[in-house]
Amino acid sequence: MMGLFGKKKDPKEQVREMQRKMRAEMRSLDRQVYAIQREEQKVTKEIKEAAKKGDREVCVVLAKSLLQSRKVIHDSCPLL
């Protein structure tokens, strides 16, 4: 059956295309989560260094950013 703008795709092709888009989006989300986790590791290391120096203000600021990044990961991917 011809649509207004050309031939419609068959349902199997539509399913394949949607699955491909979903896999691509999942990979994108995974990359973002891994990047945030790498940043978490860096911030954790900086917190430990600041704690050794006795710099409480820096520790508090870094801890807040660490909690914020964990919240972003939890909100975007609740299964992790």
PDB file of N, CA and C in Angstrom:
ATOM      1  N   MET A   1       0.843  -1.172   0.000  1.00  0.00           N
ATOM      2  CA  MET A   1       0.000   0.000   0.000  1.00  0.00           C
ATOM      3  C   MET A   1       0.889   1.237   0.000  1.00  0.00           C
ATOM      4  N   MET A   2       0.589   2.155  -0.856  1.00  0.00           N
ATOM      5  CA  MET A   2       1.391   3.365  -0.984  1.00  0.00           C
ATOM      6  C   MET A   2       0.865   4.437  -0.034  1.00  0.00           C
ATOM      7  N   GLY A   3       1.763   5.019   0.716  1.00  0.00           N
ATOM      8  CA  GLY A   3       1.396   6.109   1.596  1.00  0.00           C
ATOM      9  C   GLY A   3       1.483   7.428   0.833  1.00  0.00           C
ATOM     10  N   LEU A   4       1.301   8.501   1.513  1.00  0.00           N
ATOM     11  CA  LEU A   4       1.337   9.813   0.895  1.00  0.00           C
ATOM     12  C   LEU A   4       2.745  10.156   0.417  1.00  0.00           C
ATOM     13  N   PHE A   5       3.755   9.718   1.152  1.00  0.00           N
ATOM     14  CA  PHE A   5       5.130  10.073   0.811  1.00  0.00           C
ATOM     15  C   PHE A   5       5.944   8.874   0.377  1.00  0.00           C
ATOM     16  N   GLY A   6       5.360   7.870  -0.153  1.00  0.00           N
ATOM     17  CA  GLY A   6       6.101   6.731  -0.653  1.00  0.00           C
ATOM     18  C   GLY A   6       5.674   5.447   0.017  1.00  0.00           C
ATOM     19  N   LYS A   7       6.478   4.448  -0.225  1.00  0.00           N
ATOM     20  CA  LYS A   7       6.182   3.110   0.252  1.00  0.00           C
ATOM     21  C   LYS A   7       6.439   2.999   1.759  1.00  0.00           C
ATOM     22  N   LYS A   8       5.515   2.372   2.488  1.00  0.00           N
ATOM     23  CA  LYS A   8       5.700   2.158   3.922  1.00  0.00           C
ATOM     24  C   LYS A   8       6.628   0.969   4.136  1.00  0.00           C
ATOM     25  N   LYS A   9       7.387   1.026   5.225  1.00  0.00           N
ATOM     26  CA  LYS A   9       8.269  -0.086   5.562  1.00  0.00           C
ATOM     27  C   LYS A   9       7.449  -1.211   6.178  1.00  0.00           C
ATOM     28  N   ASP A  10       7.900  -2.424   5.930  1.00  0.00           N
ATOM     29  CA  ASP A  10       7.190  -3.551   6.528  1.00  0.00           C
ATOM     30  C   ASP A  10       7.482  -3.587   8.033  1.00  0.00           C
ATOM     31  N   PRO A  11       6.611  -4.206   8.816  1.00  0.00           N
ATOM     32  CA  PRO A  11       6.765  -4.201  10.281  1.00  0.00           C
ATOM     33  C   PRO A  11       8.093  -4.784  10.760  1.00  0.00           C
ATOM     34  N   LYS A  12       8.590  -5.830  10.098  1.00  0.00           N
ATOM     35  CA  LYS A  12       9.867  -6.416  10.525  1.00  0.00           C
ATOM     36  C   LYS A  12      10.997  -5.410  10.365  1.00  0.00           C
ATOM     37  N   GLU A  13      10.978  -4.656   9.275  1.00  0.00           N
ATOM     38  CA  GLU A  13      12.013  -3.648   9.047  1.00  0.00           C
ATOM     39  C   GLU A  13      11.895  -2.522  10.078  1.00  0.00           C
ATOM     40  N   GLN A  14      10.683  -2.151  10.423  1.00  0.00           N
ATOM     41  CA  GLN A  14      10.482  -1.121  11.439  1.00  0.00           C
ATOM     42  C   GLN A  14      11.014  -1.585  12.794  1.00  0.00           C
ATOM     43  N   VAL A  15      10.766  -2.844  13.143  1.00  0.00           N
ATOM     44  CA  VAL A  15      11.260  -3.394  14.411  1.00  0.00           C
ATOM     45  C   VAL A  15      12.781  -3.389  14.420  1.00  0.00           C
ATOM     46  N   ARG A  16      13.393  -3.826  13.317  1.00  0.00           N
ATOM     47  CA  ARG A  16      14.854  -3.859  13.226  1.00  0.00           C
ATOM     48  C   ARG A  16      15.442  -2.458  13.388  1.00  0.00           C
ATOM     49  N   GLU A  17      14.820  -1.491  12.746  1.00  0.00           N
ATOM     50  CA  GLU A  17      15.316  -0.119  12.823  1.00  0.00           C
ATOM     51  C   GLU A  17      15.192   0.440  14.242  1.00  0.00           C
ATOM     52  N   MET A  18      14.074   0.178  14.890  1.00  0.00           N
ATOM     53  CA  MET A  18      13.892   0.663  16.254  1.00  0.00           C
ATOM     54  C   MET A  18      14.862  -0.017  17.226  1.00  0.00           C
ATOM     55  N   GLN A  19      15.119  -1.304  17.031  1.00  0.00           N
ATOM     56  CA  GLN A  19      16.080  -2.007  17.885  1.00  0.00           C
ATOM     57  C   GLN A  19      17.480  -1.431  17.698  1.00  0.00           C
ATOM     58  N   ARG A  20      17.826  -1.110  16.459  1.00  0.00           N
ATOM     59  CA  ARG A  20      19.140  -0.528  16.180  1.00  0.00           C
ATOM     60  C   ARG A  20      19.273   0.825  16.874  1.00  0.00           C
ATOM     61  N   LYS A  21      18.226   1.634  16.807  1.00  0.00           N
ATOM     62  CA  LYS A  21      18.253   2.937  17.470  1.00  0.00           C
ATOM     63  C   LYS A  21      18.353   2.786  18.985  1.00  0.00           C
ATOM     64  N   MET A  22      17.643   1.804  19.545  1.00  0.00           N
ATOM     65  CA  MET A  22      17.703   1.587  20.993  1.00  0.00           C
ATOM     66  C   MET A  22      19.093   1.142  21.432  1.00  0.00           C
ATOM     67  N   ARG A  23      19.717   0.246  20.661  1.00  0.00           N
ATOM     68  CA  ARG A  23      21.075  -0.200  21.005  1.00  0.00           C
ATOM     69  C   ARG A  23      22.056   0.965  20.943  1.00  0.00           C
ATOM     70  N   ALA A  24      21.915   1.815  19.937  1.00  0.00           N
ATOM     71  CA  ALA A  24      22.801   2.972  19.815  1.00  0.00           C
ATOM     72  C   ALA A  24      22.615   3.912  21.003  1.00  0.00           C
ATOM     73  N   GLU A  25      21.387   4.122  21.414  1.00  0.00           N
ATOM     74  CA  GLU A  25      21.117   4.994  22.554  1.00  0.00           C
ATOM     75  C   GLU A  25      21.654   4.389  23.850  1.00  0.00           C
ATOM     76  N   MET A  26      21.547   3.078  24.003  1.00  0.00           N
ATOM     77  CA  MET A  26      22.094   2.412  25.188  1.00  0.00           C
ATOM     78  C   MET A  26      23.613   2.560  25.241  1.00  0.00           C
ATOM     79  N   ARG A  27      24.270   2.417  24.094  1.00  0.00           N
ATOM     80  CA  ARG A  27      25.725   2.606  24.064  1.00  0.00           C
ATOM     81  C   ARG A  27      26.091   4.029  24.450  1.00  0.00           C
ATOM     82  N   SER A  28      25.314   4.976  23.970  1.00  0.00           N
ATOM     83  CA  SER A  28      25.561   6.373  24.309  1.00  0.00           C
ATOM     84  C   SER A  28      25.410   6.608  25.813  1.00  0.00           C
ATOM     85  N   LEU A  29      24.359   6.066  26.400  1.00  0.00           N
ATOM     86  CA  LEU A  29      24.164   6.198  27.846  1.00  0.00           C
ATOM     87  C   LEU A  29      25.292   5.531  28.625  1.00  0.00           C
ATOM     88  N   ASP A  30      25.709   4.351  28.170  1.00  0.00           N
ATOM     89  CA  ASP A  30      26.807   3.651  28.841  1.00  0.00           C
ATOM     90  C   ASP A  30      28.078   4.487  28.811  1.00  0.00           C
ATOM     91  N   ARG A  31      28.360   5.104  27.672  1.00  0.00           N
ATOM     92  CA  ARG A  31      29.552   5.952  27.570  1.00  0.00           C
ATOM     93  C   ARG A  31      29.472   7.116  28.545  1.00  0.00           C
ATOM     94  N   GLN A  32      28.301   7.724  28.649  1.00  0.00           N
ATOM     95  CA  GLN A  32      28.141   8.843  29.572  1.00  0.00           C
ATOM     96  C   GLN A  32      28.328   8.394  31.017  1.00  0.00           C
ATOM     97  N   VAL A  33      27.780   7.248  31.367  1.00  0.00           N
ATOM     98  CA  VAL A  33      27.915   6.731  32.732  1.00  0.00           C
ATOM     99  C   VAL A  33      29.376   6.427  33.038  1.00  0.00           C
ATOM    100  N   TYR A  34      30.078   5.809  32.096  1.00  0.00           N
ATOM    101  CA  TYR A  34      31.490   5.496  32.326  1.00  0.00           C
ATOM    102  C   TYR A  34      32.311   6.768  32.487  1.00  0.00           C
ATOM    103  N   ALA A  35      31.998   7.797  31.721  1.00  0.00           N
ATOM    104  CA  ALA A  35      32.718   9.065  31.849  1.00  0.00           C
ATOM    105  C   ALA A  35      32.477   9.678  33.224  1.00  0.00           C
ATOM    106  N   ILE A  36      31.247   9.627  33.699  1.00  0.00           N
ATOM    107  CA  ILE A  36      30.932  10.166  35.025  1.00  0.00           C
ATOM    108  C   ILE A  36      31.633   9.350  36.105  1.00  0.00           C
ATOM    109  N   GLN A  37      31.695   8.038  35.934  1.00  0.00           N
ATOM    110  CA  GLN A  37      32.376   7.197  36.921  1.00  0.00           C
ATOM    111  C   GLN A  37      33.876   7.483  36.954  1.00  0.00           C
ATOM    112  N   ARG A  38      34.473   7.748  35.799  1.00  0.00           N
ATOM    113  CA  ARG A  38      35.897   8.118  35.782  1.00  0.00           C
ATOM    114  C   ARG A  38      36.108   9.432  36.522  1.00  0.00           C
ATOM    115  N   GLU A  39      35.198  10.388  36.320  1.00  0.00           N
ATOM    116  CA  GLU A  39      35.287  11.651  37.041  1.00  0.00           C
ATOM    117  C   GLU A  39      35.133  11.429  38.545  1.00  0.00           C
ATOM    118  N   GLU A  40      34.249  10.520  38.931  1.00  0.00           N
ATOM    119  CA  GLU A  40      34.073  10.186  40.351  1.00  0.00           C
ATOM    120  C   GLU A  40      35.382   9.702  40.960  1.00  0.00           C
ATOM    121  N   GLN A  41      36.077   8.841  40.234  1.00  0.00           N
ATOM    122  CA  GLN A  41      37.346   8.320  40.741  1.00  0.00           C
ATOM    123  C   GLN A  41      38.359   9.445  40.929  1.00  0.00           C
ATOM    124  N   LYS A  42      38.400  10.382  39.980  1.00  0.00           N
ATOM    125  CA  LYS A  42      39.321  11.512  40.093  1.00  0.00           C
ATOM    126  C   LYS A  42      38.966  12.380  41.298  1.00  0.00           C
ATOM    127  N   VAL A  43      37.670  12.639  41.481  1.00  0.00           N
ATOM    128  CA  VAL A  43      37.229  13.479  42.596  1.00  0.00           C
ATOM    129  C   VAL A  43      37.521  12.787  43.925  1.00  0.00           C
ATOM    130  N   THR A  44      37.305  11.481  43.985  1.00  0.00           N
ATOM    131  CA  THR A  44      37.600  10.733  45.207  1.00  0.00           C
ATOM    132  C   THR A  44      39.082  10.848  45.560  1.00  0.00           C
ATOM    133  N   LYS A  45      39.919  10.743  44.565  1.00  0.00           N
ATOM    134  CA  LYS A  45      41.361  10.879  44.789  1.00  0.00           C
ATOM    135  C   LYS A  45      41.696  12.287  45.287  1.00  0.00           C
ATOM    136  N   GLU A  46      41.055  13.300  44.698  1.00  0.00           N
ATOM    137  CA  GLU A  46      41.293  14.679  45.129  1.00  0.00           C
ATOM    138  C   GLU A  46      40.798  14.906  46.555  1.00  0.00           C
ATOM    139  N   ILE A  47      39.680  14.277  46.918  1.00  0.00           N
ATOM    140  CA  ILE A  47      39.159  14.404  48.285  1.00  0.00           C
ATOM    141  C   ILE A  47      40.164  13.829  49.275  1.00  0.00           C
ATOM    142  N   LYS A  48      40.713  12.676  48.954  1.00  0.00           N
ATOM    143  CA  LYS A  48      41.695  12.052  49.851  1.00  0.00           C
ATOM    144  C   LYS A  48      42.935  12.922  49.996  1.00  0.00           C
ATOM    145  N   GLU A  49      43.391  13.514  48.886  1.00  0.00           N
ATOM    146  CA  GLU A  49      44.569  14.384  48.953  1.00  0.00           C
ATOM    147  C   GLU A  49      44.286  15.630  49.785  1.00  0.00           C
ATOM    148  N   ALA A  50      43.093  16.214  49.605  1.00  0.00           N
ATOM    149  CA  ALA A  50      42.730  17.402  50.379  1.00  0.00           C
ATOM    150  C   ALA A  50      42.575  17.057  51.859  1.00  0.00           C
ATOM    151  N   ALA A  51      42.058  15.866  52.151  1.00  0.00           N
ATOM    152  CA  ALA A  51      41.903  15.451  53.549  1.00  0.00           C
ATOM    153  C   ALA A  51      43.265  15.276  54.212  1.00  0.00           C
ATOM    154  N   LYS A  52      44.225  14.756  53.468  1.00  0.00           N
ATOM    155  CA  LYS A  52      45.574  14.600  54.031  1.00  0.00           C
ATOM    156  C   LYS A  52      46.188  15.957  54.349  1.00  0.00           C
ATOM    157  N   LYS A  53      45.859  16.964  53.522  1.00  0.00           N
ATOM    158  CA  LYS A  53      46.384  18.308  53.750  1.00  0.00           C
ATOM    159  C   LYS A  53      45.593  19.045  54.828  1.00  0.00           C
ATOM    160  N   GLY A  54      44.435  18.502  55.196  1.00  0.00           N
ATOM    161  CA  GLY A  54      43.611  19.126  56.222  1.00  0.00           C
ATOM    162  C   GLY A  54      42.739  20.253  55.697  1.00  0.00           C
ATOM    163  N   ASP A  55      42.467  20.268  54.409  1.00  0.00           N
ATOM    164  CA  ASP A  55      41.672  21.327  53.782  1.00  0.00           C
ATOM    165  C   ASP A  55      40.200  20.913  53.743  1.00  0.00           C
ATOM    166  N   ARG A  56      39.486  21.267  54.805  1.00  0.00           N
ATOM    167  CA  ARG A  56      38.095  20.827  54.959  1.00  0.00           C
ATOM    168  C   ARG A  56      37.160  21.437  53.912  1.00  0.00           C
ATOM    169  N   GLU A  57      37.333  22.719  53.586  1.00  0.00           N
ATOM    170  CA  GLU A  57      36.431  23.375  52.637  1.00  0.00           C
ATOM    171  C   GLU A  57      36.482  22.699  51.271  1.00  0.00           C
ATOM    172  N   VAL A  58      37.676  22.363  50.836  1.00  0.00           N
ATOM    173  CA  VAL A  58      37.829  21.693  49.541  1.00  0.00           C
ATOM    174  C   VAL A  58      37.171  20.318  49.587  1.00  0.00           C
ATOM    175  N   CYS A  59      37.338  19.620  50.702  1.00  0.00           N
ATOM    176  CA  CYS A  59      36.717  18.298  50.849  1.00  0.00           C
ATOM    177  C   CYS A  59      35.200  18.388  50.750  1.00  0.00           C
ATOM    178  N   VAL A  60      34.616  19.396  51.378  1.00  0.00           N
ATOM    179  CA  VAL A  60      33.160  19.548  51.362  1.00  0.00           C
ATOM    180  C   VAL A  60      32.669  19.823  49.946  1.00  0.00           C
ATOM    181  N   VAL A  61      33.339  20.715  49.238  1.00  0.00           N
ATOM    182  CA  VAL A  61      32.933  21.054  47.870  1.00  0.00           C
ATOM    183  C   VAL A  61      33.059  19.837  46.961  1.00  0.00           C
ATOM    184  N   LEU A  62      34.163  19.132  47.073  1.00  0.00           N
ATOM    185  CA  LEU A  62      34.365  17.950  46.231  1.00  0.00           C
ATOM    186  C   LEU A  62      33.375  16.841  46.579  1.00  0.00           C
ATOM    187  N   ALA A  63      33.071  16.690  47.856  1.00  0.00           N
ATOM    188  CA  ALA A  63      32.102  15.665  48.257  1.00  0.00           C
ATOM    189  C   ALA A  63      30.718  15.978  47.699  1.00  0.00           C
ATOM    190  N   LYS A  64      30.353  17.251  47.682  1.00  0.00           N
ATOM    191  CA  LYS A  64      29.062  17.635  47.103  1.00  0.00           C
ATOM    192  C   LYS A  64      29.021  17.320  45.610  1.00  0.00           C
ATOM    193  N   SER A  65      30.113  17.592  44.911  1.00  0.00           N
ATOM    194  CA  SER A  65      30.133  17.288  43.474  1.00  0.00           C
ATOM    195  C   SER A  65      30.098  15.779  43.242  1.00  0.00           C
ATOM    196  N   LEU A  66      30.727  15.031  44.132  1.00  0.00           N
ATOM    197  CA  LEU A  66      30.697  13.571  44.030  1.00  0.00           C
ATOM    198  C   LEU A  66      29.273  13.044  44.218  1.00  0.00           C
ATOM    199  N   LEU A  67      28.581  13.562  45.205  1.00  0.00           N
ATOM    200  CA  LEU A  67      27.194  13.148  45.433  1.00  0.00           C
ATOM    201  C   LEU A  67      26.293  13.534  44.267  1.00  0.00           C
ATOM    202  N   GLN A  68      26.543  14.697  43.698  1.00  0.00           N
ATOM    203  CA  GLN A  68      25.745  15.142  42.556  1.00  0.00           C
ATOM    204  C   GLN A  68      25.956  14.223  41.352  1.00  0.00           C
ATOM    205  N   SER A  69      27.196  13.821  41.104  1.00  0.00           N
ATOM    206  CA  SER A  69      27.458  12.930  39.968  1.00  0.00           C
ATOM    207  C   SER A  69      26.837  11.554  40.202  1.00  0.00           C
ATOM    208  N   ARG A  70      26.854  11.075  41.446  1.00  0.00           N
ATOM    209  CA  ARG A  70      26.214   9.792  41.741  1.00  0.00           C
ATOM    210  C   ARG A  70      24.702   9.877  41.557  1.00  0.00           C
ATOM    211  N   LYS A  71      24.131  11.016  41.906  1.00  0.00           N
ATOM    212  CA  LYS A  71      22.688  11.205  41.730  1.00  0.00           C
ATOM    213  C   LYS A  71      22.332  11.208  40.243  1.00  0.00           C
ATOM    214  N   VAL A  72      23.165  11.820  39.420  1.00  0.00           N
ATOM    215  CA  VAL A  72      22.919  11.847  37.977  1.00  0.00           C
ATOM    216  C   VAL A  72      22.923  10.430  37.424  1.00  0.00           C
ATOM    217  N   ILE A  73      23.891   9.630  37.830  1.00  0.00           N
ATOM    218  CA  ILE A  73      23.960   8.244  37.359  1.00  0.00           C
ATOM    219  C   ILE A  73      22.733   7.472  37.830  1.00  0.00           C
ATOM    220  N   HIS A  74      22.366   7.631  39.089  1.00  0.00           N
ATOM    221  CA  HIS A  74      21.223   6.887  39.633  1.00  0.00           C
ATOM    222  C   HIS A  74      19.930   7.296  38.942  1.00  0.00           C
ATOM    223  N   ASP A  75      19.765   8.582  38.660  1.00  0.00           N
ATOM    224  CA  ASP A  75      18.540   9.048  38.017  1.00  0.00           C
ATOM    225  C   ASP A  75      18.457   8.615  36.560  1.00  0.00           C
ATOM    226  N   SER A  76      19.596   8.569  35.875  1.00  0.00           N
ATOM    227  CA  SER A  76      19.564   8.208  34.453  1.00  0.00           C
ATOM    228  C   SER A  76      19.495   6.699  34.249  1.00  0.00           C
ATOM    229  N   CYS A  77      20.110   5.937  35.135  1.00  0.00           N
ATOM    230  CA  CYS A  77      20.123   4.474  35.011  1.00  0.00           C
ATOM    231  C   CYS A  77      19.845   3.856  36.373  1.00  0.00           C
ATOM    232  N   PRO A  78      18.597   3.725  36.768  1.00  0.00           N
ATOM    233  CA  PRO A  78      18.301   3.222  38.115  1.00  0.00           C
ATOM    234  C   PRO A  78      18.713   1.771  38.341  1.00  0.00           C
ATOM    235  N   LEU A  79      19.009   1.028  37.282  1.00  0.00           N
ATOM    236  CA  LEU A  79      19.397  -0.372  37.450  1.00  0.00           C
ATOM    237  C   LEU A  79      20.846  -0.530  37.869  1.00  0.00           C
ATOM    238  N   LEU A  80      21.658   0.518  37.718  1.00  0.00           N
ATOM    239  CA  LEU A  80      23.082   0.400  38.065  1.00  0.00           C
ATOM    240  C   LEU A  80      23.301   0.562  39.536  1.00  0.00           C
TER     241      LEU A  80
END
